[in-house]
């Protein structure tokens, strides 16, 4: 788990994510630099995880092929339905997503999104499900 991670991490949460974000922006503004801040809501991101991409990421990170296949199979060929009271929907195949409510789910999702670390350097703040990416821009701010 990257040091930028604030969600799913003991002692870290929305308060530490916000504090880190404000501190980094303040430091850059004091240095008369412009700052770009992008925020994205990833609330349904667990539902969009693609097992093929996750398997590639796990292999690149050095996870043994046998364990990677086991995780891939865990996410493959799943079925689900919705039940509200006495009503039950038809059973459907689920080809995307991570099993929510599982102990393994957050670990797999963090691995899946860990590649963002390489894309959004030099610094960024992430609270899983709500992501804010920030980066100092080149040049000085004009003070009028």
Protein backbone atom coordinates (compact mmCIF):
# COMPACT_ATOMS: atom_id res chain seq x y z
CA UNK A 1 0.00 0.00 0.00
CA UNK A 2 1.48 3.33 -1.03
CA UNK A 3 2.30 6.09 1.42
CA UNK A 4 -0.25 8.24 -0.40
CA UNK A 5 -3.01 5.86 0.74
CA UNK A 6 -5.37 7.21 3.41
CA UNK A 7 -8.36 4.85 3.13
CA UNK A 8 -8.26 1.23 4.36
CA UNK A 9 -5.24 2.10 6.49
CA UNK A 10 -5.08 2.24 10.29
CA UNK A 11 -4.67 5.76 11.67
CA UNK A 12 -5.52 7.34 8.32
CA UNK A 13 -8.79 8.60 6.93
CA UNK A 14 -10.52 11.59 5.43
CA UNK A 15 -9.05 13.88 8.10
CA UNK A 16 -5.43 12.91 7.35
CA UNK A 17 -6.10 13.06 3.59
CA UNK A 18 -7.50 16.58 3.88
CA UNK A 19 -4.72 17.72 6.20
CA UNK A 20 -2.05 16.38 3.82
CA UNK A 21 -3.74 18.00 0.83
CA UNK A 22 -4.02 21.43 2.49
CA UNK A 23 -0.43 21.25 3.72
CA UNK A 24 0.97 20.36 0.28
CA UNK A 25 -1.05 23.06 -1.47
CA UNK A 26 -0.01 25.65 1.13
CA UNK A 27 3.67 24.76 0.73
CA UNK A 28 3.47 25.23 -3.03
CA UNK A 29 1.54 28.51 -2.82
CA UNK A 30 4.08 29.88 -0.30
CA UNK A 31 6.78 28.94 -2.84
CA UNK A 32 4.79 30.97 -5.41
CA UNK A 33 4.04 27.91 -7.52
CA UNK A 34 0.75 27.14 -9.20
CA UNK A 35 -1.03 23.98 -8.11
CA UNK A 36 -3.31 21.71 -10.09
CA UNK A 37 -5.89 19.79 -8.07
CA UNK A 38 -8.13 17.13 -9.58
CA UNK A 39 -10.75 15.25 -7.58
CA UNK A 40 -12.65 12.16 -8.70
CA UNK A 41 -15.41 10.16 -7.05
CA UNK A 42 -14.59 6.46 -7.36
CA UNK A 43 -17.59 5.23 -5.38
CA UNK A 44 -18.47 2.45 -7.84
CA UNK A 45 -14.90 1.62 -8.77
CA UNK A 46 -15.04 -1.76 -6.98
CA UNK A 47 -17.75 -2.72 -9.49
CA UNK A 48 -15.53 -1.92 -12.49
CA UNK A 49 -12.36 -3.84 -11.61
CA UNK A 50 -11.25 -5.98 -14.57
CA UNK A 51 -9.70 -9.27 -13.47
CA UNK A 52 -7.46 -9.48 -16.56
CA UNK A 53 -5.86 -6.10 -15.80
CA UNK A 54 -5.53 -7.00 -12.11
CA UNK A 55 -3.79 -10.28 -13.02
CA UNK A 56 -1.26 -8.39 -15.18
CA UNK A 57 -0.59 -5.93 -12.35
CA UNK A 58 -0.12 -8.71 -9.79
CA UNK A 59 2.34 -10.53 -12.06
CA UNK A 60 4.30 -7.29 -12.64
CA UNK A 61 4.45 -6.83 -8.86
CA UNK A 62 6.03 -10.27 -8.49
CA UNK A 63 3.03 -12.21 -7.18
CA UNK A 64 3.54 -15.89 -8.01
CA UNK A 65 1.60 -17.10 -11.08
CA UNK A 66 -0.20 -19.79 -9.04
CA UNK A 67 -1.53 -17.23 -6.55
CA UNK A 68 -2.41 -14.85 -9.39
CA UNK A 69 -4.45 -17.65 -11.06
CA UNK A 70 -6.18 -18.38 -7.75
CA UNK A 71 -7.17 -14.70 -7.38
CA UNK A 72 -8.26 -14.56 -11.04
CA UNK A 73 -10.46 -17.64 -10.53
CA UNK A 74 -11.87 -16.13 -7.32
CA UNK A 75 -13.10 -13.17 -9.40
CA UNK A 76 -14.23 -15.24 -12.42
CA UNK A 77 -17.49 -17.06 -13.12
CA UNK A 78 -19.45 -15.42 -10.31
CA UNK A 79 -23.21 -15.15 -10.18
CA UNK A 80 -25.40 -12.85 -8.17
CA UNK A 81 -28.93 -11.66 -7.58
CA UNK A 82 -30.72 -8.93 -5.65
CA UNK A 83 -33.27 -9.75 -2.98
CA UNK A 84 -35.55 -7.20 -1.36
CA UNK A 85 -38.05 -8.68 1.05
CA UNK A 86 -39.74 -11.58 -0.73
CA UNK A 87 -38.73 -10.36 -4.20
CA UNK A 88 -35.67 -11.97 -5.77
CA UNK A 89 -34.27 -10.96 -9.16
CA UNK A 90 -33.06 -13.45 -11.71
CA UNK A 91 -29.51 -14.75 -11.31
CA UNK A 92 -26.96 -12.95 -13.50
CA UNK A 93 -23.33 -13.58 -14.36
CA UNK A 94 -20.86 -11.04 -12.96
CA UNK A 95 -17.77 -10.47 -15.14
CA UNK A 96 -16.54 -7.22 -13.60
CA UNK A 97 -15.81 -6.06 -10.11
CA UNK A 98 -14.29 -7.09 -6.85
CA UNK A 99 -16.10 -9.03 -4.15
CA UNK A 100 -17.32 -6.35 -1.77
CA UNK A 101 -17.44 -7.00 1.94
CA UNK A 102 -14.58 -9.48 1.71
CA UNK A 103 -11.24 -9.17 3.48
CA UNK A 104 -9.46 -9.61 0.13
CA UNK A 105 -11.49 -6.91 -1.68
CA UNK A 106 -9.65 -3.79 -0.46
CA UNK A 107 -6.25 -5.47 -1.01
CA UNK A 108 -7.16 -6.33 -4.60
CA UNK A 109 -8.59 -2.86 -5.26
CA UNK A 110 -5.46 -1.19 -3.83
CA UNK A 111 -3.30 -3.37 -6.07
CA UNK A 112 -5.50 -2.49 -9.04
CA UNK A 113 -5.20 1.26 -8.46
CA UNK A 114 -1.56 1.22 -7.32
CA UNK A 115 -0.36 2.03 -10.84
CA UNK A 116 -1.75 5.55 -10.33
CA UNK A 117 1.26 6.24 -8.12
CA UNK A 118 3.49 6.24 -11.20
CA UNK A 119 1.19 8.51 -13.20
CA UNK A 120 0.49 11.29 -10.71
CA UNK A 121 3.89 12.09 -9.29
CA UNK A 122 5.57 14.15 -7.87
CA UNK A 123 2.93 14.08 -5.13
CA UNK A 124 -0.68 13.20 -4.58
CA UNK A 125 -3.22 12.37 -1.91
CA UNK A 126 -5.64 9.47 -2.19
CA UNK A 127 -8.50 8.41 0.01
CA UNK A 128 -9.91 5.33 -1.71
CA UNK A 129 -13.31 5.86 -3.26
CA UNK A 130 -12.75 9.63 -3.25
CA UNK A 131 -9.53 10.52 -5.01
CA UNK A 132 -7.82 13.88 -5.13
CA UNK A 133 -4.72 14.19 -7.27
CA UNK A 134 -2.56 17.25 -6.88
CA UNK A 135 0.64 18.33 -8.52
CA UNK A 136 2.77 21.48 -8.41
CA UNK A 137 2.95 23.21 -11.78
CA UNK A 138 6.06 24.73 -13.26
CA UNK A 139 6.49 28.47 -13.07
CA UNK A 140 5.83 31.16 -10.50
CA UNK A 141 2.49 32.69 -9.64
CA UNK A 142 2.00 36.26 -10.76
CA UNK A 143 1.14 38.51 -7.83
CA UNK A 144 -0.70 41.62 -8.83
